[in-house]
PDB file of all heavy atoms in Angstrom:
ATOM      1  N   GLN A   1     118.281  11.248-174.156  1.00  0.00           N
ATOM      2  CA  GLN A   1     119.662  11.910-173.776  1.00  0.00           C
ATOM      3  C   GLN A   1     120.334  12.207-175.078  1.00  0.00           C
ATOM      4  O   GLN A   1     121.013  13.365-175.006  1.00  0.00           O
ATOM      5  CB  GLN A   1     120.397  10.897-172.976  1.00  0.00           C
ATOM      6  CG  GLN A   1     120.097  10.780-171.535  1.00  0.00           C
ATOM      7  CD  GLN A   1     121.189  10.007-170.733  1.00  0.00           C
ATOM      8  OE1 GLN A   1     120.885   8.848-170.328  1.00  0.00           O
ATOM      9  NE2 GLN A   1     122.259  10.687-170.418  1.00  0.00           N
ATOM     10  N   SER A   2     120.276  11.490-176.053  1.00  0.00           N
ATOM     11  CA  SER A   2     120.876  11.947-177.357  1.00  0.00           C
ATOM     12  C   SER A   2     120.349  13.119-178.012  1.00  0.00           C
ATOM     13  O   SER A   2     121.004  13.983-178.561  1.00  0.00           O
ATOM     14  CB  SER A   2     120.953  10.789-178.341  1.00  0.00           C
ATOM     15  OG  SER A   2     119.683  10.496-178.902  1.00  0.00           O
ATOM     16  N   ILE A   3     119.039  13.390-177.828  1.00  0.00           N
ATOM     17  CA  ILE A   3     118.385  14.540-178.367  1.00  0.00           C
ATOM     18  C   ILE A   3     118.839  15.718-177.546  1.00  0.00           C
ATOM     19  O   ILE A   3     119.095  16.901-178.184  1.00  0.00           O
ATOM     20  CB  ILE A   3     116.865  14.428-178.204  1.00  0.00           C
ATOM     21  CG1 ILE A   3     116.303  13.307-179.114  1.00  0.00           C
ATOM     22  CG2 ILE A   3     116.142  15.671-178.509  1.00  0.00           C
ATOM     23  CD1 ILE A   3     114.782  13.004-178.986  1.00  0.00           C
ATOM     24  N   LEU A   4     119.051  15.593-176.277  1.00  0.00           N
ATOM     25  CA  LEU A   4     119.389  16.746-175.400  1.00  0.00           C
ATOM     26  C   LEU A   4     120.924  17.013-175.398  1.00  0.00           C
ATOM     27  O   LEU A   4     121.450  18.072-175.021  1.00  0.00           O
ATOM     28  CB  LEU A   4     118.968  16.544-173.947  1.00  0.00           C
ATOM     29  CG  LEU A   4     117.480  16.538-173.806  1.00  0.00           C
ATOM     30  CD1 LEU A   4     117.037  16.069-172.303  1.00  0.00           C
ATOM     31  CD2 LEU A   4     116.858  17.935-174.014  1.00  0.00           C
ATOM     32  N   ALA A   5     121.668  16.047-175.841  1.00  0.00           N
ATOM     33  CA  ALA A   5     123.141  16.094-175.737  1.00  0.00           C
ATOM     34  C   ALA A   5     123.811  17.358-176.429  1.00  0.00           C
ATOM     35  O   ALA A   5     124.679  17.943-175.733  1.00  0.00           O
ATOM     36  CB  ALA A   5     123.743  14.773-176.388  1.00  0.00           C
ATOM     37  N   PRO A   6     123.277  17.708-177.570  1.00  0.00           N
ATOM     38  CA  PRO A   6     123.978  19.039-178.132  1.00  0.00           C
ATOM     39  C   PRO A   6     123.784  20.176-177.262  1.00  0.00           C
ATOM     40  O   PRO A   6     124.588  21.196-177.267  1.00  0.00           O
ATOM     41  CB  PRO A   6     123.171  19.127-179.500  1.00  0.00           C
ATOM     42  CG  PRO A   6     122.710  17.771-179.863  1.00  0.00           C
ATOM     43  CD  PRO A   6     122.372  17.257-178.534  1.00  0.00           C
ATOM     44  N   LEU A   7     122.583  20.279-176.454  1.00  0.00           N
ATOM     45  CA  LEU A   7     122.350  21.350-175.532  1.00  0.00           C
ATOM     46  C   LEU A   7     123.066  21.224-174.256  1.00  0.00           C
ATOM     47  O   LEU A   7     123.428  22.257-173.572  1.00  0.00           O
ATOM     48  CB  LEU A   7     120.923  21.595-175.326  1.00  0.00           C
ATOM     49  CG  LEU A   7     120.079  21.987-176.585  1.00  0.00           C
ATOM     50  CD1 LEU A   7     118.620  21.983-176.181  1.00  0.00           C
ATOM     51  CD2 LEU A   7     120.473  23.299-177.142  1.00  0.00           C
ATOM     52  N   TYR A   8     123.268  19.972-173.791  1.00  0.00           N
ATOM     53  CA  TYR A   8     123.785  19.703-172.477  1.00  0.00           C
ATOM     54  C   TYR A   8     124.953  18.603-172.647  1.00  0.00           C
ATOM     55  O   TYR A   8     124.708  17.529-172.206  1.00  0.00           O
ATOM     56  CB  TYR A   8     122.674  19.083-171.539  1.00  0.00           C
ATOM     57  CG  TYR A   8     121.523  20.179-171.442  1.00  0.00           C
ATOM     58  CD1 TYR A   8     120.317  19.888-172.153  1.00  0.00           C
ATOM     59  CD2 TYR A   8     121.622  21.327-170.613  1.00  0.00           C
ATOM     60  CE1 TYR A   8     119.213  20.756-172.069  1.00  0.00           C
ATOM     61  CE2 TYR A   8     120.549  22.190-170.479  1.00  0.00           C
ATOM     62  CZ  TYR A   8     119.279  21.872-171.239  1.00  0.00           C
ATOM     63  OH  TYR A   8     118.268  22.781-171.055  1.00  0.00           O
ATOM     64  N   PRO A   9     125.948  19.024-173.245  1.00  0.00           N
ATOM     65  CA  PRO A   9     127.065  17.974-173.508  1.00  0.00           C
ATOM     66  C   PRO A   9     127.752  17.383-172.255  1.00  0.00           C
ATOM     67  O   PRO A   9     128.322  16.373-172.276  1.00  0.00           O
ATOM     68  CB  PRO A   9     128.187  18.767-174.303  1.00  0.00           C
ATOM     69  CG  PRO A   9     127.872  20.187-173.904  1.00  0.00           C
ATOM     70  CD  PRO A   9     126.407  20.324-173.705  1.00  0.00           C
ATOM     71  N   GLU A  10     127.448  18.110-171.071  1.00  0.00           N
ATOM     72  CA  GLU A  10     128.122  17.639-169.829  1.00  0.00           C
ATOM     73  C   GLU A  10     127.373  16.521-169.158  1.00  0.00           C
ATOM     74  O   GLU A  10     127.845  16.015-168.127  1.00  0.00           O
ATOM     75  CB  GLU A  10     128.313  18.820-168.874  1.00  0.00           C
ATOM     76  CG  GLU A  10     127.001  19.316-168.134  1.00  0.00           C
ATOM     77  CD  GLU A  10     126.146  20.120-169.044  1.00  0.00           C
ATOM     78  OE1 GLU A  10     126.549  20.420-170.218  1.00  0.00           O
ATOM     79  OE2 GLU A  10     125.057  20.432-168.685  1.00  0.00           O
ATOM     80  N   VAL A  11     126.186  16.157-169.622  1.00  0.00           N
ATOM     81  CA  VAL A  11     125.338  15.169-168.917  1.00  0.00           C
ATOM     82  C   VAL A  11     125.955  13.724-169.036  1.00  0.00           C
ATOM     83  O   VAL A  11     126.583  13.344-170.003  1.00  0.00           O
ATOM     84  CB  VAL A  11     124.031  15.098-169.601  1.00  0.00           C
ATOM     85  CG1 VAL A  11     123.149  13.959-169.038  1.00  0.00           C
ATOM     86  CG2 VAL A  11     123.249  16.404-169.409  1.00  0.00           C
ATOM     87  N   ASP A  12     125.958  13.050-167.734  1.00  0.00           N
ATOM     88  CA  ASP A  12     126.574  11.757-167.661  1.00  0.00           C
ATOM     89  C   ASP A  12     125.867  10.726-168.547  1.00  0.00           C
ATOM     90  O   ASP A  12     124.704  10.673-168.399  1.00  0.00           O
ATOM     91  CB  ASP A  12     126.507  11.416-166.266  1.00  0.00           C
ATOM     92  CG  ASP A  12     127.243  10.145-165.857  1.00  0.00           C
ATOM     93  OD1 ASP A  12     127.619   9.395-166.817  1.00  0.00           O
ATOM     94  OD2 ASP A  12     127.504   9.879-164.632  1.00  0.00           O
ATOM     95  N   ALA A  13     126.554  10.045-169.357  1.00  0.00           N
ATOM     96  CA  ALA A  13     125.949   9.000-170.209  1.00  0.00           C
ATOM     97  C   ALA A  13     125.410   7.811-169.451  1.00  0.00           C
ATOM     98  O   ALA A  13     124.663   7.008-170.135  1.00  0.00           O
ATOM     99  CB  ALA A  13     127.065   8.564-171.283  1.00  0.00           C
ATOM    100  N   THR A  14     125.761   7.641-168.250  1.00  0.00           N
ATOM    101  CA  THR A  14     125.240   6.462-167.471  1.00  0.00           C
ATOM    102  C   THR A  14     124.012   6.734-166.726  1.00  0.00           C
ATOM    103  O   THR A  14     123.398   5.877-166.126  1.00  0.00           O
ATOM    104  CB  THR A  14     126.268   6.073-166.428  1.00  0.00           C
ATOM    105  OG1 THR A  14     126.385   7.089-165.358  1.00  0.00           O
ATOM    106  CG2 THR A  14     127.619   5.875-167.033  1.00  0.00           C
ATOM    107  N   ILE A  15     123.378   7.861-166.948  1.00  0.00           N
ATOM    108  CA  ILE A  15     122.111   8.206-166.308  1.00  0.00           C
ATOM    109  C   ILE A  15     120.982   7.134-166.679  1.00  0.00           C
ATOM    110  O   ILE A  15     120.170   6.712-165.815  1.00  0.00           O
ATOM    111  CB  ILE A  15     121.604   9.666-166.663  1.00  0.00           C
ATOM    112  CG1 ILE A  15     122.436  10.623-165.922  1.00  0.00           C
ATOM    113  CG2 ILE A  15     120.088   9.835-166.310  1.00  0.00           C
ATOM    114  CD1 ILE A  15     122.026  12.018-166.211  1.00  0.00           C
ATOM    115  N   SER A  16     120.911   6.750-167.827  1.00  0.00           N
ATOM    116  CA  SER A  16     119.841   5.758-168.259  1.00  0.00           C
ATOM    117  C   SER A  16     119.900   4.484-167.573  1.00  0.00           C
ATOM    118  O   SER A  16     118.919   3.931-167.079  1.00  0.00           O
ATOM    119  CB  SER A  16     119.948   5.489-169.830  1.00  0.00           C
ATOM    120  OG  SER A  16     119.755   6.736-170.539  1.00  0.00           O
ATOM    121  N   ARG A  17     121.126   3.962-167.547  1.00  0.00           N
ATOM    122  CA  ARG A  17     121.354   2.674-166.768  1.00  0.00           C
ATOM    123  C   ARG A  17     120.958   2.864-165.282  1.00  0.00           C
ATOM    124  O   ARG A  17     120.348   2.028-164.660  1.00  0.00           O
ATOM    125  CB  ARG A  17     122.828   2.263-166.911  1.00  0.00           C
ATOM    126  CG  ARG A  17     123.189   0.947-166.032  1.00  0.00           C
ATOM    127  CD  ARG A  17     124.587   0.556-166.268  1.00  0.00           C
ATOM    128  NE  ARG A  17     125.484   1.614-165.966  1.00  0.00           N
ATOM    129  CZ  ARG A  17     125.809   2.029-164.676  1.00  0.00           C
ATOM    130  NH1 ARG A  17     125.385   1.385-163.616  1.00  0.00           N
ATOM    131  NH2 ARG A  17     126.739   2.921-164.573  1.00  0.00           N
ATOM    132  N   ARG A  18     121.494   3.928-164.643  1.00  0.00           N
ATOM    133  CA  ARG A  18     121.318   4.213-163.290  1.00  0.00           C
ATOM    134  C   ARG A  18     119.803   4.422-162.981  1.00  0.00           C
ATOM    135  O   ARG A  18     119.246   4.030-161.976  1.00  0.00           O
ATOM    136  CB  ARG A  18     122.124   5.306-162.732  1.00  0.00           C
ATOM    137  CG  ARG A  18     123.664   4.951-162.680  1.00  0.00           C
ATOM    138  CD  ARG A  18     124.418   6.037-161.943  1.00  0.00           C
ATOM    139  NE  ARG A  18     124.521   7.299-162.848  1.00  0.00           N
ATOM    140  CZ  ARG A  18     124.608   8.482-162.374  1.00  0.00           C
ATOM    141  NH1 ARG A  18     124.599   8.734-161.082  1.00  0.00           N
ATOM    142  NH2 ARG A  18     124.809   9.536-163.188  1.00  0.00           N
ATOM    143  N   PHE A  19     119.112   5.075-163.814  1.00  0.00           N
ATOM    144  CA  PHE A  19     117.606   5.290-163.719  1.00  0.00           C
ATOM    145  C   PHE A  19     116.977   3.894-163.697  1.00  0.00           C
ATOM    146  O   PHE A  19     116.038   3.659-162.881  1.00  0.00           O
ATOM    147  CB  PHE A  19     117.096   6.094-164.802  1.00  0.00           C
ATOM    148  CG  PHE A  19     115.526   6.207-164.781  1.00  0.00           C
ATOM    149  CD1 PHE A  19     114.881   7.019-163.951  1.00  0.00           C
ATOM    150  CD2 PHE A  19     114.800   5.538-165.652  1.00  0.00           C
ATOM    151  CE1 PHE A  19     113.475   7.113-163.872  1.00  0.00           C
ATOM    152  CE2 PHE A  19     113.424   5.514-165.705  1.00  0.00           C
ATOM    153  CZ  PHE A  19     112.757   6.360-164.738  1.00  0.00           C
ATOM    154  N   MET A  20     117.300   3.087-164.590  1.00  0.00           N
ATOM    155  CA  MET A  20     116.683   1.710-164.751  1.00  0.00           C
ATOM    156  C   MET A  20     116.913   0.910-163.394  1.00  0.00           C
ATOM    157  O   MET A  20     116.033   0.199-162.896  1.00  0.00           O
ATOM    158  CB  MET A  20     117.144   1.033-165.934  1.00  0.00           C
ATOM    159  CG  MET A  20     116.801   1.619-167.156  1.00  0.00           C
ATOM    160  SD  MET A  20     115.094   1.909-167.448  1.00  0.00           S
ATOM    161  CE  MET A  20     114.472   0.257-167.562  1.00  0.00           C
ATOM    162  N   GLU A  21     118.022   1.088-162.733  1.00  0.00           N
ATOM    163  CA  GLU A  21     118.342   0.417-161.544  1.00  0.00           C
ATOM    164  C   GLU A  21     117.470   0.877-160.415  1.00  0.00           C
ATOM    165  O   GLU A  21     117.282   0.191-159.343  1.00  0.00           O
ATOM    166  CB  GLU A  21     119.912   0.675-161.140  1.00  0.00           C
ATOM    167  CG  GLU A  21     120.767  -0.127-162.102  1.00  0.00           C
ATOM    168  CD  GLU A  21     122.226   0.285-161.829  1.00  0.00           C
ATOM    169  OE1 GLU A  21     122.514   1.267-161.095  1.00  0.00           O
ATOM    170  OE2 GLU A  21     123.064  -0.393-162.536  1.00  0.00           O
ATOM    171  N   GLN A  22     116.980   2.219-160.513  1.00  0.00           N
ATOM    172  CA  GLN A  22     116.094   2.668-159.490  1.00  0.00           C
ATOM    173  C   GLN A  22     114.659   2.346-159.624  1.00  0.00           C
ATOM    174  O   GLN A  22     113.835   2.651-158.719  1.00  0.00           O
ATOM    175  CB  GLN A  22     116.330   4.215-159.468  1.00  0.00           C
ATOM    176  CG  GLN A  22     117.564   4.710-158.996  1.00  0.00           C
ATOM    177  CD  GLN A  22     117.705   6.223-158.803  1.00  0.00           C
ATOM    178  OE1 GLN A  22     116.728   6.933-158.665  1.00  0.00           O
ATOM    179  NE2 GLN A  22     118.922   6.749-158.849  1.00  0.00           N
ATOM    180  N   LEU A  23     114.275   1.805-160.702  1.00  0.00           N
ATOM    181  CA  LEU A  23     112.861   1.507-160.962  1.00  0.00           C
ATOM    182  C   LEU A  23     112.171   0.629-160.001  1.00  0.00           C
ATOM    183  O   LEU A  23     111.017   0.824-159.636  1.00  0.00           O
ATOM    184  CB  LEU A  23     112.599   1.008-162.369  1.00  0.00           C
ATOM    185  CG  LEU A  23     112.550   2.085-163.540  1.00  0.00           C
ATOM    186  CD1 LEU A  23     112.310   1.485-164.831  1.00  0.00           C
ATOM    187  CD2 LEU A  23     111.484   3.134-163.307  1.00  0.00           C
ATOM    188  N   PRO A  24     112.858  -0.465-159.467  1.00  0.00           N
ATOM    189  CA  PRO A  24     112.286  -1.201-158.453  1.00  0.00           C
ATOM    190  C   PRO A  24     111.856  -0.341-157.173  1.00  0.00           C
ATOM    191  O   PRO A  24     110.809  -0.548-156.546  1.00  0.00           O
ATOM    192  CB  PRO A  24     113.269  -2.254-158.107  1.00  0.00           C
ATOM    193  CG  PRO A  24     114.066  -2.415-159.370  1.00  0.00           C
ATOM    194  CD  PRO A  24     114.238  -0.981-159.913  1.00  0.00           C
ATOM    195  N   ASP A  25     112.692   0.583-156.818  1.00  0.00           N
ATOM    196  CA  ASP A  25     112.404   1.350-155.684  1.00  0.00           C
ATOM    197  C   ASP A  25     111.242   2.356-155.986  1.00  0.00           C
ATOM    198  O   ASP A  25     110.422   2.655-155.170  1.00  0.00           O
ATOM    199  CB  ASP A  25     113.659   2.135-155.245  1.00  0.00           C
ATOM    200  CG  ASP A  25     114.756   1.264-154.659  1.00  0.00           C
ATOM    201  OD1 ASP A  25     114.490   0.202-154.128  1.00  0.00           O
ATOM    202  OD2 ASP A  25     115.939   1.629-154.844  1.00  0.00           O
ATOM    203  N   ILE A  26     111.182   2.918-157.178  1.00  0.00           N
ATOM    204  CA  ILE A  26     110.181   3.813-157.535  1.00  0.00           C
ATOM    205  C   ILE A  26     108.851   3.071-157.601  1.00  0.00           C
ATOM    206  O   ILE A  26     107.886   3.542-157.105  1.00  0.00           O
ATOM    207  CB  ILE A  26     110.484   4.418-158.977  1.00  0.00           C
ATOM    208  CG1 ILE A  26     111.708   5.325-158.944  1.00  0.00           C
ATOM    209  CG2 ILE A  26     109.206   5.173-159.496  1.00  0.00           C
ATOM    210  CD1 ILE A  26     112.218   5.835-160.222  1.00  0.00           C
ATOM    211  N   TYR A  27     108.862   1.897-158.170  1.00  0.00           N
ATOM    212  CA  TYR A  27     107.712   0.944-158.061  1.00  0.00           C
ATOM    213  C   TYR A  27     107.170   0.811-156.633  1.00  0.00           C
ATOM    214  O   TYR A  27     106.039   0.907-156.312  1.00  0.00           O
ATOM    215  CB  TYR A  27     107.967  -0.295-158.717  1.00  0.00           C
ATOM    216  CG  TYR A  27     106.778  -1.306-158.639  1.00  0.00           C
ATOM    217  CD1 TYR A  27     105.602  -1.027-159.468  1.00  0.00           C
ATOM    218  CD2 TYR A  27     106.747  -2.428-157.903  1.00  0.00           C
ATOM    219  CE1 TYR A  27     104.570  -2.042-159.448  1.00  0.00           C
ATOM    220  CE2 TYR A  27     105.793  -3.169-157.767  1.00  0.00           C
ATOM    221  CZ  TYR A  27     104.661  -2.926-158.516  1.00  0.00           C
ATOM    222  OH  TYR A  27     103.656  -3.903-158.524  1.00  0.00           O
ATOM    223  N   ASP A  28     108.108   0.550-155.783  1.00  0.00           N
ATOM    224  CA  ASP A  28     107.748   0.182-154.365  1.00  0.00           C
ATOM    225  C   ASP A  28     107.094   1.374-153.716  1.00  0.00           C
ATOM    226  O   ASP A  28     106.094   1.349-153.010  1.00  0.00           O
ATOM    227  CB  ASP A  28     108.929  -0.303-153.515  1.00  0.00           C
ATOM    228  CG  ASP A  28     108.652  -0.480-152.164  1.00  0.00           C
ATOM    229  OD1 ASP A  28     107.773  -1.284-151.817  1.00  0.00           O
ATOM    230  OD2 ASP A  28     109.270   0.120-151.255  1.00  0.00           O
ATOM    231  N   LEU A  29     107.668   2.635-153.937  1.00  0.00           N
ATOM    232  CA  LEU A  29     107.220   3.794-153.477  1.00  0.00           C
ATOM    233  C   LEU A  29     105.756   4.105-153.968  1.00  0.00           C
ATOM    234  O   LEU A  29     104.793   4.475-153.197  1.00  0.00           O
ATOM    235  CB  LEU A  29     108.048   5.074-153.788  1.00  0.00           C
ATOM    236  CG  LEU A  29     109.348   5.238-153.077  1.00  0.00           C
ATOM    237  CD1 LEU A  29     110.255   6.217-153.630  1.00  0.00           C
ATOM    238  CD2 LEU A  29     109.062   5.524-151.498  1.00  0.00           C
ATOM    239  N   LEU A  30     105.554   3.849-155.248  1.00  0.00           N
ATOM    240  CA  LEU A  30     104.282   4.194-155.874  1.00  0.00           C
ATOM    241  C   LEU A  30     103.175   3.184-155.366  1.00  0.00           C
ATOM    242  O   LEU A  30     102.012   3.527-155.232  1.00  0.00           O
ATOM    243  CB  LEU A  30     104.326   4.153-157.431  1.00  0.00           C
ATOM    244  CG  LEU A  30     105.137   5.330-157.987  1.00  0.00           C
ATOM    245  CD1 LEU A  30     105.335   5.177-159.477  1.00  0.00           C
ATOM    246  CD2 LEU A  30     104.402   6.572-157.670  1.00  0.00           C
ATOM    247  N   ARG A  31     103.589   1.970-155.133  1.00  0.00           N
ATOM    248  CA  ARG A  31     102.640   0.997-154.479  1.00  0.00           C
ATOM    249  C   ARG A  31     102.198   1.431-153.190  1.00  0.00           C
ATOM    250  O   ARG A  31     101.019   1.424-152.797  1.00  0.00           O
ATOM    251  CB  ARG A  31     103.167  -0.426-154.412  1.00  0.00           C
ATOM    252  CG  ARG A  31     103.439  -1.058-155.717  1.00  0.00           C
ATOM    253  CD  ARG A  31     102.222  -1.363-156.586  1.00  0.00           C
ATOM    254  NE  ARG A  31     101.123  -2.108-155.785  1.00  0.00           N
ATOM    255  CZ  ARG A  31     100.096  -2.513-156.290  1.00  0.00           C
ATOM    256  NH1 ARG A  31      99.800  -2.413-157.631  1.00  0.00           N
ATOM    257  NH2 ARG A  31      99.147  -3.145-155.565  1.00  0.00           N
ATOM    258  N   GLN A  32     103.056   1.967-152.446  1.00  0.00           N
ATOM    259  CA  GLN A  32     102.791   2.526-151.036  1.00  0.00           C
ATOM    260  C   GLN A  32     101.895   3.684-151.137  1.00  0.00           C
ATOM    261  O   GLN A  32     100.933   3.987-150.342  1.00  0.00           O
ATOM    262  CB  GLN A  32     103.989   2.725-150.310  1.00  0.00           C
ATOM    263  CG  GLN A  32     104.882   1.672-149.877  1.00  0.00           C
ATOM    264  CD  GLN A  32     106.058   1.927-149.024  1.00  0.00           C
ATOM    265  OE1 GLN A  32     105.993   2.669-148.042  1.00  0.00           O
ATOM    266  NE2 GLN A  32     107.171   1.539-149.493  1.00  0.00           N
ATOM    267  N   ASP A  33     102.155   4.567-152.140  1.00  0.00           N
ATOM    268  CA  ASP A  33     101.289   5.848-152.351  1.00  0.00           C
ATOM    269  C   ASP A  33      99.927   5.405-152.704  1.00  0.00           C
ATOM    270  O   ASP A  33      98.961   5.964-152.120  1.00  0.00           O
ATOM    271  CB  ASP A  33     101.927   6.666-153.475  1.00  0.00           C
ATOM    272  CG  ASP A  33     103.277   7.201-153.097  1.00  0.00           C
ATOM    273  OD1 ASP A  33     103.541   7.494-151.951  1.00  0.00           O
ATOM    274  OD2 ASP A  33     104.054   7.372-154.111  1.00  0.00           O
ATOM    275  N   ALA A  34      99.745   4.466-153.588  1.00  0.00           N
ATOM    276  CA  ALA A  34      98.427   4.044-153.965  1.00  0.00           C
ATOM    277  C   ALA A  34      97.646   3.377-152.834  1.00  0.00           C
ATOM    278  O   ALA A  34      96.467   3.594-152.709  1.00  0.00           O
ATOM    279  CB  ALA A  34      98.519   3.058-155.216  1.00  0.00           C
ATOM    280  N   THR A  35      98.337   2.577-152.043  1.00  0.00           N
ATOM    281  CA  THR A  35      97.650   1.918-150.897  1.00  0.00           C
ATOM    282  C   THR A  35      97.268   2.971-149.880  1.00  0.00           C
ATOM    283  O   THR A  35      96.095   2.928-149.316  1.00  0.00           O
ATOM    284  CB  THR A  35      98.670   0.967-150.328  1.00  0.00           C
ATOM    285  OG1 THR A  35      98.863  -0.019-151.258  1.00  0.00           O
ATOM    286  CG2 THR A  35      97.962   0.261-149.098  1.00  0.00           C
ATOM    287  N   ALA A  36      98.112   3.970-149.723  1.00  0.00           N
ATOM    288  CA  ALA A  36      97.761   5.024-148.761  1.00  0.00           C
ATOM    289  C   ALA A  36      96.568   5.818-149.203  1.00  0.00           C
ATOM    290  O   ALA A  36      95.764   6.301-148.367  1.00  0.00           O
ATOM    291  CB  ALA A  36      99.049   6.060-148.535  1.00  0.00           C
ATOM    292  N   ILE A  37      96.461   6.177-150.472  1.00  0.00           N
ATOM    293  CA  ILE A  37      95.411   6.936-150.983  1.00  0.00           C
ATOM    294  C   ILE A  37      94.099   6.076-150.819  1.00  0.00           C
ATOM    295  O   ILE A  37      93.008   6.674-150.367  1.00  0.00           O
ATOM    296  CB  ILE A  37      95.615   7.284-152.573  1.00  0.00           C
ATOM    297  CG1 ILE A  37      96.743   8.277-152.547  1.00  0.00           C
ATOM    298  CG2 ILE A  37      94.290   7.842-153.127  1.00  0.00           C
ATOM    299  CD1 ILE A  37      97.191   8.485-154.069  1.00  0.00           C
ATOM    300  N   HIS A  38      94.204   4.861-151.134  1.00  0.00           N
ATOM    301  CA  HIS A  38      93.017   3.985-150.964  1.00  0.00           C
ATOM    302  C   HIS A  38      92.510   3.932-149.559  1.00  0.00           C
ATOM    303  O   HIS A  38      91.307   4.006-149.127  1.00  0.00           O
ATOM    304  CB  HIS A  38      93.327   2.488-151.397  1.00  0.00           C
ATOM    305  CG  HIS A  38      92.328   1.529-151.062  1.00  0.00           C
ATOM    306  ND1 HIS A  38      92.537   0.399-150.256  1.00  0.00           N
ATOM    307  CD2 HIS A  38      90.946   1.413-151.505  1.00  0.00           C
ATOM    308  CE1 HIS A  38      91.364  -0.288-150.227  1.00  0.00           C
ATOM    309  NE2 HIS A  38      90.439   0.247-150.976  1.00  0.00           N
ATOM    310  N   GLN A  39      93.513   3.782-148.545  1.00  0.00           N
ATOM    311  CA  GLN A  39      93.173   3.741-147.107  1.00  0.00           C
ATOM    312  C   GLN A  39      92.575   5.094-146.591  1.00  0.00           C
ATOM    313  O   GLN A  39      91.807   5.092-145.627  1.00  0.00           O
ATOM    314  CB  GLN A  39      94.394   3.480-146.334  1.00  0.00           C
ATOM    315  CG  GLN A  39      94.755   1.886-146.586  1.00  0.00           C
ATOM    316  CD  GLN A  39      96.153   1.529-145.884  1.00  0.00           C
ATOM    317  OE1 GLN A  39      96.900   2.370-145.449  1.00  0.00           O
ATOM    318  NE2 GLN A  39      96.450   0.276-145.805  1.00  0.00           N
TER     319      GLN A  39
END
């Protein structure tokens, strides 16, 4: 985000924290995807 900040100064600084909060849901989705491919 800091690398991109000069080009996109309007970006919300809390994105990193909110992304990390979503990782458990992303993990759950990917486990379901992997199981579906196996099946």
